[in-house]
Structure formats: structure tokens, C-alpha cells
Protein backbone atom coordinates (compact mmCIF):
# COMPACT_ATOMS: atom_id res chain seq x y z
CA UNK A 1 1.24 -74.71 -35.08
CA UNK A 2 3.89 -76.97 -33.74
CA UNK A 3 6.93 -75.77 -31.85
CA UNK A 4 10.27 -77.13 -32.97
CA UNK A 5 12.61 -78.71 -30.42
CA UNK A 6 14.83 -75.64 -30.36
CA UNK A 7 11.92 -73.44 -29.25
CA UNK A 8 10.62 -76.08 -26.84
CA UNK A 9 14.05 -76.32 -25.19
CA UNK A 10 14.30 -72.53 -25.00
CA UNK A 11 11.01 -72.37 -23.11
CA UNK A 12 12.17 -75.14 -20.75
CA UNK A 13 15.40 -73.25 -20.05
CA UNK A 14 13.51 -70.04 -19.30
CA UNK A 15 11.00 -71.81 -17.05
CA UNK A 16 13.83 -73.46 -15.13
CA UNK A 17 15.60 -70.15 -14.68
CA UNK A 18 12.36 -68.48 -13.56
CA UNK A 19 11.78 -71.16 -10.93
CA UNK A 20 15.33 -70.77 -9.64
CA UNK A 21 15.65 -66.98 -10.01
CA UNK A 22 17.86 -65.24 -9.14
CA UNK A 23 20.26 -68.21 -8.98
CA UNK A 24 22.76 -68.81 -11.79
CA UNK A 25 22.33 -72.29 -13.27
CA UNK A 26 24.87 -74.05 -15.50
CA UNK A 27 23.60 -75.26 -18.86
CA UNK A 28 24.91 -78.71 -17.95
CA UNK A 29 22.56 -78.86 -14.95
CA UNK A 30 19.52 -77.91 -17.05
CA UNK A 31 20.53 -80.45 -19.72
CA UNK A 32 20.81 -83.18 -17.07
CA UNK A 33 17.40 -82.37 -15.57
CA UNK A 34 15.67 -82.73 -18.94
CA UNK A 35 17.91 -85.49 -20.32
CA UNK A 36 19.04 -83.32 -23.23
CA UNK A 37 22.33 -82.93 -25.03
CA UNK A 38 24.44 -80.31 -23.28
CA UNK A 39 25.91 -79.27 -26.63
CA UNK A 40 22.46 -78.69 -28.15
CA UNK A 41 21.23 -76.85 -25.06
CA UNK A 42 24.30 -74.61 -25.23
CA UNK A 43 23.20 -73.53 -28.71
CA UNK A 44 19.73 -72.77 -27.35
CA UNK A 45 21.27 -70.78 -24.48
CA UNK A 46 23.45 -68.83 -26.91
CA UNK A 47 20.39 -67.83 -28.94
CA UNK A 48 18.47 -66.90 -25.76
CA UNK A 49 21.39 -64.69 -24.70
CA UNK A 50 21.68 -63.15 -28.17
CA UNK A 51 17.97 -62.29 -28.06
CA UNK A 52 18.31 -60.73 -24.59
CA UNK A 53 16.25 -63.23 -22.60
CA UNK A 54 19.11 -64.63 -20.53
CA UNK A 55 22.46 -63.47 -19.27
CA UNK A 56 25.29 -65.94 -19.62
CA UNK A 57 28.46 -66.02 -17.58
CA UNK A 58 31.36 -68.30 -18.40
CA UNK A 59 33.79 -69.89 -16.04
CA UNK A 60 33.85 -71.97 -12.90
CA UNK A 61 30.84 -70.26 -11.31
CA UNK A 62 29.21 -69.51 -14.64
CA UNK A 63 25.77 -70.27 -15.87
CA UNK A 64 22.54 -68.67 -16.96
CA UNK A 65 20.20 -66.22 -15.30
CA UNK A 66 17.17 -64.38 -16.60
CA UNK A 67 18.20 -61.11 -18.21
CA UNK A 68 15.06 -59.43 -16.88
CA UNK A 69 12.22 -60.32 -14.52
CA UNK A 70 9.96 -63.20 -15.57
CA UNK A 71 6.94 -60.90 -15.72
CA UNK A 72 8.70 -58.91 -18.46
CA UNK A 73 9.40 -61.90 -20.73
CA UNK A 74 6.48 -62.44 -23.11
CA UNK A 75 6.09 -66.01 -24.34
CA UNK A 76 5.08 -64.89 -27.84
CA UNK A 77 8.27 -62.85 -28.14
CA UNK A 78 10.36 -65.86 -27.10
CA UNK A 79 8.70 -68.13 -29.64
CA UNK A 80 9.08 -65.55 -32.43
CA UNK A 81 12.77 -65.06 -31.58
CA UNK A 82 13.55 -68.77 -31.40
CA UNK A 83 11.71 -69.68 -34.60
CA UNK A 84 13.74 -66.96 -36.34
CA UNK A 85 11.01 -66.16 -38.81
CA UNK A 86 10.52 -69.73 -40.02
CA UNK A 87 7.26 -69.76 -41.96
CA UNK A 88 4.32 -72.02 -41.12
CA UNK A 89 4.16 -73.04 -44.78
CA UNK A 90 6.71 -72.65 -47.56
CA UNK A 91 4.81 -69.94 -49.40
CA UNK A 92 5.09 -67.60 -46.40
CA UNK A 93 8.86 -67.73 -46.81
CA UNK A 94 11.13 -67.15 -49.79
CA UNK A 95 10.00 -70.33 -51.63
CA UNK A 96 7.26 -69.22 -54.00
CA UNK A 97 7.39 -72.29 -56.25
CA UNK A 98 4.01 -73.80 -55.33
CA UNK A 99 1.91 -74.39 -58.42
CA UNK A 100 -1.36 -73.15 -56.89
CA UNK A 101 0.12 -70.08 -55.19
CA UNK A 102 -1.56 -67.53 -57.52
CA UNK A 103 -5.04 -68.80 -56.61
CA UNK A 104 -4.48 -70.49 -53.25
CA UNK A 105 -7.27 -70.01 -50.74
CA UNK A 106 -5.24 -71.41 -47.83
CA UNK A 107 -2.80 -68.53 -47.43
CA UNK A 108 -5.31 -66.20 -45.76
CA UNK A 109 -6.66 -68.70 -43.22
CA UNK A 110 -3.16 -69.97 -42.40
CA UNK A 111 -1.84 -66.44 -41.90
CA UNK A 112 -4.83 -65.68 -39.68
CA UNK A 113 -4.26 -68.88 -37.66
CA UNK A 114 -0.58 -68.04 -37.24
CA UNK A 115 -1.42 -64.56 -35.99
CA UNK A 116 -4.00 -65.97 -33.56
CA UNK A 117 -1.37 -68.41 -32.26
CA UNK A 118 1.09 -65.60 -31.53
CA UNK A 119 -1.62 -63.29 -30.19
CA UNK A 120 -2.54 -65.94 -27.61
CA UNK A 121 1.10 -66.44 -26.60
CA UNK A 122 1.55 -62.66 -26.38
CA UNK A 123 -1.02 -62.69 -23.58
CA UNK A 124 1.28 -64.71 -21.28
CA UNK A 125 4.54 -63.95 -19.56
CA UNK A 126 7.15 -66.32 -18.18
CA UNK A 127 5.81 -65.43 -14.74
CA UNK A 128 2.32 -66.57 -15.76
CA UNK A 129 3.47 -69.99 -16.95
CA UNK A 130 5.62 -70.65 -13.90
CA UNK A 131 2.98 -69.81 -11.28
CA UNK A 132 3.05 -73.26 -9.69
CA UNK A 133 6.66 -72.38 -8.79
CA UNK A 134 7.01 -74.82 -5.88
CA UNK A 135 5.44 -77.67 -7.85
CA UNK A 136 7.75 -76.98 -10.81
CA UNK A 137 10.79 -76.87 -8.55
CA UNK A 138 9.81 -80.25 -7.10
CA UNK A 139 9.34 -81.81 -10.53
CA UNK A 140 12.61 -80.38 -11.75
CA UNK A 141 14.27 -81.66 -8.58
CA UNK A 142 15.89 -78.28 -8.00
């Protein structure tokens, strides 16, 4: 499986917030660190807030914070929420137009692979993936 940019950016935002917790960090600062569009990262932040992973505060001293402790944020749940149910292949979604669909032998293995992917990610929390906290803070220049 390949993560889309939206999901990748969401994970970067969460890792940055975990390293800086409990500080509130403006989206603009995170965008600058990673060299990303502030507008695009704002959309990612909005989705993260909607899904309950971050708390967002507007205004002069606004920014993002983790909505709950890093050890309570499961990476698999984040990826599922950010991908918004996008299927690995078309036939897992609403498009059932594939000619070989009635006899396709790939659906089972692909579904199994997708489940294994998420099962692995479900075994890790945000806290787990930010363990080298000092090293991450140095790289992020925070």
C-alpha cells in the first residue's frame, strides 16, 4: 500500500505535535519546517481536528495541539481516517465495472494484504513512532 500525500502530511503534523507536546504550534510553522503549502496543510489540520486527533485554536496565539496523549493515538486509526475509506483497488469501492470482477482471484489476496497493512499499523501509537524525541526535535529544528 502507498500512503497519499494527505495522509503522509497528517502523520508528519501529528509527529511534530507529539515532539513539541504540550506546546501549541501554528500550522504555518509546521508547513515551513517541511516546506509544504500552508493552505494544503490547513486542510490536513482541519481533517485531523474533525477526526479528533488534534485540537485547533484560532487567533493570534492559535495553533494545533494533540487532542489526546500520543500513546492513545493509534497510527492505523489515523491512516484509516485520513484515507477516508479510499479503496486499494477500484473494485473495493463503488466502481464495479471491471470485466473480470465475477471471477477475479486478486480480490481476496488484496483484501488480505490491506488488512495486514492496517493490522501492523494498529500495533503502533504516535508515542511509539516518536520515541527518538530529542533526535526528531533536532531534525525538525524545533
